[in-house]
PDB file of N, CA and C in Angstrom:
ATOM      1  N   MET A   1      -2.998  -2.966   3.346  1.00  0.00           N
ATOM      2  CA  MET A   1      -1.830  -3.382   2.629  1.00  0.00           C
ATOM      3  C   MET A   1      -0.676  -3.451   3.621  1.00  0.00           C
ATOM      4  N   MET A   2      -0.148  -4.606   3.808  1.00  0.00           N
ATOM      5  CA  MET A   2       1.027  -4.753   4.668  1.00  0.00           C
ATOM      6  C   MET A   2       2.237  -4.909   3.764  1.00  0.00           C
ATOM      7  N   TRP A   3       3.339  -4.494   4.255  1.00  0.00           N
ATOM      8  CA  TRP A   3       4.559  -4.636   3.484  1.00  0.00           C
ATOM      9  C   TRP A   3       5.458  -5.647   4.170  1.00  0.00           C
ATOM     10  N   LYS A   4       6.375  -6.143   3.431  1.00  0.00           N
ATOM     11  CA  LYS A   4       7.466  -6.952   3.983  1.00  0.00           C
ATOM     12  C   LYS A   4       8.731  -6.272   3.507  1.00  0.00           C
ATOM     13  N   HIS A   5       9.739  -6.319   4.301  1.00  0.00           N
ATOM     14  CA  HIS A   5      10.973  -5.628   3.981  1.00  0.00           C
ATOM     15  C   HIS A   5      11.751  -6.405   2.932  1.00  0.00           C
ATOM     16  N   LEU A   6      12.063  -5.748   1.857  1.00  0.00           N
ATOM     17  CA  LEU A   6      12.728  -6.384   0.722  1.00  0.00           C
ATOM     18  C   LEU A   6      14.038  -7.056   1.112  1.00  0.00           C
ATOM     19  N   GLU A   7      14.732  -6.548   2.108  1.00  0.00           N
ATOM     20  CA  GLU A   7      16.028  -7.105   2.475  1.00  0.00           C
ATOM     21  C   GLU A   7      15.935  -8.201   3.536  1.00  0.00           C
ATOM     22  N   GLN A   8      14.737  -8.546   3.997  1.00  0.00           N
ATOM     23  CA  GLN A   8      14.594  -9.649   4.948  1.00  0.00           C
ATOM     24  C   GLN A   8      14.995 -10.949   4.267  1.00  0.00           C
ATOM     25  N   GLU A   9      15.676 -11.809   4.993  1.00  0.00           N
ATOM     26  CA  GLU A   9      16.066 -13.098   4.428  1.00  0.00           C
ATOM     27  C   GLU A   9      14.849 -13.913   4.012  1.00  0.00           C
ATOM     28  N   SER A  10      13.765 -13.787   4.759  1.00  0.00           N
ATOM     29  CA  SER A  10      12.572 -14.580   4.473  1.00  0.00           C
ATOM     30  C   SER A  10      11.635 -13.924   3.456  1.00  0.00           C
ATOM     31  N   PHE A  11      12.029 -12.807   2.890  1.00  0.00           N
ATOM     32  CA  PHE A  11      11.170 -12.103   1.931  1.00  0.00           C
ATOM     33  C   PHE A  11      10.948 -12.990   0.711  1.00  0.00           C
ATOM     34  N   PRO A  12       9.687 -13.244   0.345  1.00  0.00           N
ATOM     35  CA  PRO A  12       9.400 -14.252  -0.673  1.00  0.00           C
ATOM     36  C   PRO A  12       9.507 -13.799  -2.129  1.00  0.00           C
ATOM     37  N   MET A  13       9.845 -12.552  -2.387  1.00  0.00           N
ATOM     38  CA  MET A  13       9.866 -12.051  -3.764  1.00  0.00           C
ATOM     39  C   MET A  13      11.238 -11.518  -4.135  1.00  0.00           C
ATOM     40  N   SER A  14      11.489 -11.540  -5.433  1.00  0.00           N
ATOM     41  CA  SER A  14      12.686 -10.862  -5.936  1.00  0.00           C
ATOM     42  C   SER A  14      12.377  -9.363  -5.970  1.00  0.00           C
ATOM     43  N   GLU A  15      13.394  -8.561  -6.211  1.00  0.00           N
ATOM     44  CA  GLU A  15      13.161  -7.117  -6.292  1.00  0.00           C
ATOM     45  C   GLU A  15      12.195  -6.786  -7.424  1.00  0.00           C
ATOM     46  N   ALA A  16      12.333  -7.458  -8.552  1.00  0.00           N
ATOM     47  CA  ALA A  16      11.439  -7.213  -9.694  1.00  0.00           C
ATOM     48  C   ALA A  16       9.999  -7.590  -9.349  1.00  0.00           C
ATOM     49  N   GLN A  17       9.806  -8.724  -8.668  1.00  0.00           N
ATOM     50  CA  GLN A  17       8.469  -9.144  -8.262  1.00  0.00           C
ATOM     51  C   GLN A  17       7.870  -8.148  -7.268  1.00  0.00           C
ATOM     52  N   TYR A  18       8.701  -7.676  -6.339  1.00  0.00           N
ATOM     53  CA  TYR A  18       8.249  -6.701  -5.352  1.00  0.00           C
ATOM     54  C   TYR A  18       7.784  -5.415  -6.037  1.00  0.00           C
ATOM     55  N   LYS A  19       8.566  -4.925  -6.984  1.00  0.00           N
ATOM     56  CA  LYS A  19       8.195  -3.694  -7.697  1.00  0.00           C
ATOM     57  C   LYS A  19       6.916  -3.888  -8.500  1.00  0.00           C
ATOM     58  N   GLU A  20       6.754  -5.063  -9.109  1.00  0.00           N
ATOM     59  CA  GLU A  20       5.541  -5.352  -9.869  1.00  0.00           C
ATOM     60  C   GLU A  20       4.325  -5.392  -8.929  1.00  0.00           C
ATOM     61  N   SER A  21       4.476  -6.029  -7.777  1.00  0.00           N
ATOM     62  CA  SER A  21       3.396  -6.100  -6.794  1.00  0.00           C
ATOM     63  C   SER A  21       3.016  -4.709  -6.294  1.00  0.00           C
ATOM     64  N   LEU A  22       4.017  -3.898  -6.020  1.00  0.00           N
ATOM     65  CA  LEU A  22       3.776  -2.533  -5.573  1.00  0.00           C
ATOM     66  C   LEU A  22       3.056  -1.721  -6.654  1.00  0.00           C
ATOM     67  N   ALA A  23       3.468  -1.887  -7.910  1.00  0.00           N
ATOM     68  CA  ALA A  23       2.825  -1.175  -9.019  1.00  0.00           C
ATOM     69  C   ALA A  23       1.356  -1.574  -9.150  1.00  0.00           C
ATOM     70  N   GLU A  24       1.059  -2.848  -8.928  1.00  0.00           N
ATOM     71  CA  GLU A  24      -0.335  -3.306  -8.988  1.00  0.00           C
ATOM     72  C   GLU A  24      -1.171  -2.646  -7.897  1.00  0.00           C
ATOM     73  N   LYS A  25      -0.635  -2.547  -6.709  1.00  0.00           N
ATOM     74  CA  LYS A  25      -1.359  -1.915  -5.608  1.00  0.00           C
ATOM     75  C   LYS A  25      -1.570  -0.423  -5.871  1.00  0.00           C
ATOM     76  N   ILE A  26      -0.551   0.237  -6.407  1.00  0.00           N
ATOM     77  CA  ILE A  26      -0.671   1.657  -6.740  1.00  0.00           C
ATOM     78  C   ILE A  26      -1.726   1.859  -7.816  1.00  0.00           C
ATOM     79  N   GLU A  27      -1.775   0.970  -8.794  1.00  0.00           N
ATOM     80  CA  GLU A  27      -2.787   1.060  -9.856  1.00  0.00           C
ATOM     81  C   GLU A  27      -4.199   0.952  -9.273  1.00  0.00           C
ATOM     82  N   ILE A  28      -4.395   0.047  -8.320  1.00  0.00           N
ATOM     83  CA  ILE A  28      -5.707  -0.099  -7.687  1.00  0.00           C
ATOM     84  C   ILE A  28      -6.080   1.184  -6.941  1.00  0.00           C
ATOM     85  N   LEU A  29      -5.138   1.741  -6.191  1.00  0.00           N
ATOM     86  CA  LEU A  29      -5.411   2.997  -5.478  1.00  0.00           C
ATOM     87  C   LEU A  29      -5.738   4.125  -6.451  1.00  0.00           C
ATOM     88  N   ASN A  30      -4.995   4.218  -7.540  1.00  0.00           N
ATOM     89  CA  ASN A  30      -5.252   5.259  -8.540  1.00  0.00           C
ATOM     90  C   ASN A  30      -6.627   5.078  -9.179  1.00  0.00           C
ATOM     91  N   ARG A  31      -6.937   3.852  -9.595  1.00  0.00           N
ATOM     92  CA  ARG A  31      -8.226   3.594 -10.241  1.00  0.00           C
ATOM     93  C   ARG A  31      -9.389   3.777  -9.278  1.00  0.00           C
ATOM     94  N   GLY A  32      -9.130   3.582  -7.995  1.00  0.00           N
ATOM     95  CA  GLY A  32     -10.171   3.782  -6.989  1.00  0.00           C
ATOM     96  C   GLY A  32     -10.369   5.241  -6.614  1.00  0.00           C
ATOM     97  N   GLY A  33      -9.516   6.108  -7.120  1.00  0.00           N
ATOM     98  CA  GLY A  33      -9.656   7.534  -6.831  1.00  0.00           C
ATOM     99  C   GLY A  33      -9.047   7.959  -5.506  1.00  0.00           C
ATOM    100  N   TYR A  34      -8.113   7.160  -4.977  1.00  0.00           N
ATOM    101  CA  TYR A  34      -7.525   7.443  -3.672  1.00  0.00           C
ATOM    102  C   TYR A  34      -6.144   8.095  -3.736  1.00  0.00           C
ATOM    103  N   SER A  35      -5.631   8.359  -4.907  1.00  0.00           N
ATOM    104  CA  SER A  35      -4.244   8.823  -5.012  1.00  0.00           C
ATOM    105  C   SER A  35      -3.986  10.115  -4.232  1.00  0.00           C
ATOM    106  N   ASP A  36      -4.855  11.100  -4.346  1.00  0.00           N
ATOM    107  CA  ASP A  36      -4.645  12.358  -3.605  1.00  0.00           C
ATOM    108  C   ASP A  36      -4.743  12.136  -2.101  1.00  0.00           C
ATOM    109  N   LEU A  37      -5.703  11.333  -1.677  1.00  0.00           N
ATOM    110  CA  LEU A  37      -5.870  11.041  -0.257  1.00  0.00           C
ATOM    111  C   LEU A  37      -4.616  10.364   0.305  1.00  0.00           C
ATOM    112  N   VAL A  38      -4.098   9.383  -0.413  1.00  0.00           N
ATOM    113  CA  VAL A  38      -2.900   8.663   0.048  1.00  0.00           C
ATOM    114  C   VAL A  38      -1.688   9.593   0.062  1.00  0.00           C
ATOM    115  N   ARG A  39      -1.518  10.391  -0.976  1.00  0.00           N
ATOM    116  CA  ARG A  39      -0.387  11.329  -1.012  1.00  0.00           C
ATOM    117  C   ARG A  39      -0.445  12.319   0.154  1.00  0.00           C
ATOM    118  N   ASP A  40      -1.628  12.875   0.401  1.00  0.00           N
ATOM    119  CA  ASP A  40      -1.784  13.814   1.517  1.00  0.00           C
ATOM    120  C   ASP A  40      -1.479  13.128   2.843  1.00  0.00           C
ATOM    121  N   TRP A  41      -1.975  11.905   3.008  1.00  0.00           N
ATOM    122  CA  TRP A  41      -1.727  11.163   4.247  1.00  0.00           C
ATOM    123  C   TRP A  41      -0.235  10.899   4.423  1.00  0.00           C
ATOM    124  N   LEU A  42       0.451  10.494   3.367  1.00  0.00           N
ATOM    125  CA  LEU A  42       1.893  10.229   3.457  1.00  0.00           C
ATOM    126  C   LEU A  42       2.674  11.484   3.838  1.00  0.00           C
ATOM    127  N   ARG A  43       2.226  12.640   3.338  1.00  0.00           N
ATOM    128  CA  ARG A  43       2.914  13.896   3.655  1.00  0.00           C
ATOM    129  C   ARG A  43       2.672  14.350   5.087  1.00  0.00           C
ATOM    130  N   THR A  44       1.522  13.987   5.662  1.00  0.00           N
ATOM    131  CA  THR A  44       1.149  14.560   6.952  1.00  0.00           C
ATOM    132  C   THR A  44       1.130  13.584   8.124  1.00  0.00           C
ATOM    133  N   VAL A  45       1.252  12.289   7.865  1.00  0.00           N
ATOM    134  CA  VAL A  45       1.167  11.318   8.958  1.00  0.00           C
ATOM    135  C   VAL A  45       2.329  11.524   9.924  1.00  0.00           C
ATOM    136  N   ASN A  46       2.027  11.530  11.215  1.00  0.00           N
ATOM    137  CA  ASN A  46       3.050  11.732  12.231  1.00  0.00           C
ATOM    138  C   ASN A  46       3.710  10.438  12.659  1.00  0.00           C
ATOM    139  N   SER A  47       2.975   9.331  12.598  1.00  0.00           N
ATOM    140  CA  SER A  47       3.516   8.036  12.999  1.00  0.00           C
ATOM    141  C   SER A  47       4.498   7.526  11.962  1.00  0.00           C
ATOM    142  N   LYS A  48       5.436   6.749  12.419  1.00  0.00           N
ATOM    143  CA  LYS A  48       6.409   6.117  11.532  1.00  0.00           C
ATOM    144  C   LYS A  48       6.409   4.619  11.812  1.00  0.00           C
ATOM    145  N   PRO A  49       6.494   3.796  10.765  1.00  0.00           N
ATOM    146  CA  PRO A  49       6.554   2.355  11.004  1.00  0.00           C
ATOM    147  C   PRO A  49       7.841   1.987  11.722  1.00  0.00           C
ATOM    148  N   ARG A  50       7.725   1.014  12.621  1.00  0.00           N
ATOM    149  CA  ARG A  50       8.888   0.499  13.340  1.00  0.00           C
ATOM    150  C   ARG A  50       8.804  -1.013  13.327  1.00  0.00           C
ATOM    151  N   LEU A  51       9.853  -1.651  13.739  1.00  0.00           N
ATOM    152  CA  LEU A  51       9.876  -3.100  13.800  1.00  0.00           C
ATOM    153  C   LEU A  51       8.698  -3.593  14.630  1.00  0.00           C
ATOM    154  N   GLY A  52       7.858  -4.405  14.022  1.00  0.00           N
ATOM    155  CA  GLY A  52       6.710  -4.956  14.722  1.00  0.00           C
ATOM    156  C   GLY A  52       5.516  -4.033  14.824  1.00  0.00           C
ATOM    157  N   ARG A  53       5.579  -2.856  14.209  1.00  0.00           N
ATOM    158  CA  ARG A  53       4.478  -1.897  14.292  1.00  0.00           C
ATOM    159  C   ARG A  53       4.260  -1.246  12.931  1.00  0.00           C
ATOM    160  N   ALA A  54       3.091  -1.428  12.398  1.00  0.00           N
ATOM    161  CA  ALA A  54       2.742  -0.821  11.112  1.00  0.00           C
ATOM    162  C   ALA A  54       2.003   0.489  11.344  1.00  0.00           C
ATOM    163  N   VAL A  55       1.956   1.305  10.344  1.00  0.00           N
ATOM    164  CA  VAL A  55       1.149   2.516  10.336  1.00  0.00           C
ATOM    165  C   VAL A  55       0.023   2.244   9.339  1.00  0.00           C
ATOM    166  N   SER A  56      -1.201   2.529   9.733  1.00  0.00           N
ATOM    167  CA  SER A  56      -2.306   2.164   8.856  1.00  0.00           C
ATOM    168  C   SER A  56      -3.108   3.380   8.411  1.00  0.00           C
ATOM    169  N   LEU A  57      -3.627   3.268   7.219  1.00  0.00           N
ATOM    170  CA  LEU A  57      -4.553   4.233   6.644  1.00  0.00           C
ATOM    171  C   LEU A  57      -5.764   3.427   6.209  1.00  0.00           C
ATOM    172  N   GLN A  58      -6.877   3.639   6.861  1.00  0.00           N
ATOM    173  CA  GLN A  58      -8.091   2.918   6.498  1.00  0.00           C
ATOM    174  C   GLN A  58      -8.844   3.737   5.456  1.00  0.00           C
ATOM    175  N   LEU A  59      -9.144   3.092   4.349  1.00  0.00           N
ATOM    176  CA  LEU A  59      -9.853   3.745   3.260  1.00  0.00           C
ATOM    177  C   LEU A  59     -11.311   3.316   3.267  1.00  0.00           C
ATOM    178  N   LYS A  60     -12.196   4.260   3.042  1.00  0.00           N
ATOM    179  CA  LYS A  60     -13.613   3.930   2.902  1.00  0.00           C
ATOM    180  C   LYS A  60     -13.824   3.385   1.488  1.00  0.00           C
ATOM    181  N   ILE A  61     -14.575   2.317   1.393  1.00  0.00           N
ATOM    182  CA  ILE A  61     -14.831   1.690   0.102  1.00  0.00           C
ATOM    183  C   ILE A  61     -15.819   2.555  -0.681  1.00  0.00           C
ATOM    184  N   ASN A  62     -15.404   2.960  -1.856  1.00  0.00           N
ATOM    185  CA  ASN A  62     -16.300   3.723  -2.725  1.00  0.00           C
ATOM    186  C   ASN A  62     -16.748   2.827  -3.883  1.00  0.00           C
ATOM    187  N   GLU A  63     -17.590   3.346  -4.742  1.00  0.00           N
ATOM    188  CA  GLU A  63     -18.124   2.543  -5.856  1.00  0.00           C
ATOM    189  C   GLU A  63     -17.005   2.040  -6.773  1.00  0.00           C
ATOM    190  N   LYS A  64     -15.997   2.854  -7.017  1.00  0.00           N
ATOM    191  CA  LYS A  64     -14.901   2.446  -7.903  1.00  0.00           C
ATOM    192  C   LYS A  64     -14.139   1.252  -7.347  1.00  0.00           C
ATOM    193  N   MET A  65     -14.042   1.162  -6.032  1.00  0.00           N
ATOM    194  CA  MET A  65     -13.259   0.086  -5.410  1.00  0.00           C
ATOM    195  C   MET A  65     -13.988  -1.251  -5.393  1.00  0.00           C
ATOM    196  N   LYS A  66     -15.268  -1.254  -5.545  1.00  0.00           N
ATOM    197  CA  LYS A  66     -16.033  -2.494  -5.468  1.00  0.00           C
ATOM    198  C   LYS A  66     -15.584  -3.514  -6.504  1.00  0.00           C
ATOM    199  N   GLU A  67     -15.065  -3.070  -7.642  1.00  0.00           N
ATOM    200  CA  GLU A  67     -14.604  -4.033  -8.664  1.00  0.00           C
ATOM    201  C   GLU A  67     -13.370  -4.808  -8.210  1.00  0.00           C
ATOM    202  N   PHE A  68     -12.646  -4.298  -7.226  1.00  0.00           N
ATOM    203  CA  PHE A  68     -11.421  -4.954  -6.765  1.00  0.00           C
ATOM    204  C   PHE A  68     -11.642  -5.880  -5.574  1.00  0.00           C
ATOM    205  N   LEU A  69     -12.848  -5.867  -5.023  1.00  0.00           N
ATOM    206  CA  LEU A  69     -13.142  -6.731  -3.876  1.00  0.00           C
ATOM    207  C   LEU A  69     -13.459  -8.131  -4.365  1.00  0.00           C
ATOM    208  N   PHE A  70     -12.950  -9.086  -3.650  1.00  0.00           N
ATOM    209  CA  PHE A  70     -13.161 -10.484  -4.079  1.00  0.00           C
ATOM    210  C   PHE A  70     -14.200 -11.118  -3.212  1.00  0.00           C
TER     211      PHE A  70
END
């Protein structure tokens, strides 16, 4: 999941669209059973995103997530 900065001039969504998109992604993580893993990672990750550099968390695909793969 990559993000785009809401305040970028080239950002393609309104704030409402951005929040809706974020809620959809959170729902997928919750339904996939990753919520605790993501919360723990967010609390403990040492890296911070910077301009031109993302921080990544790679998730192993479990049975619950297979329904979301296209």
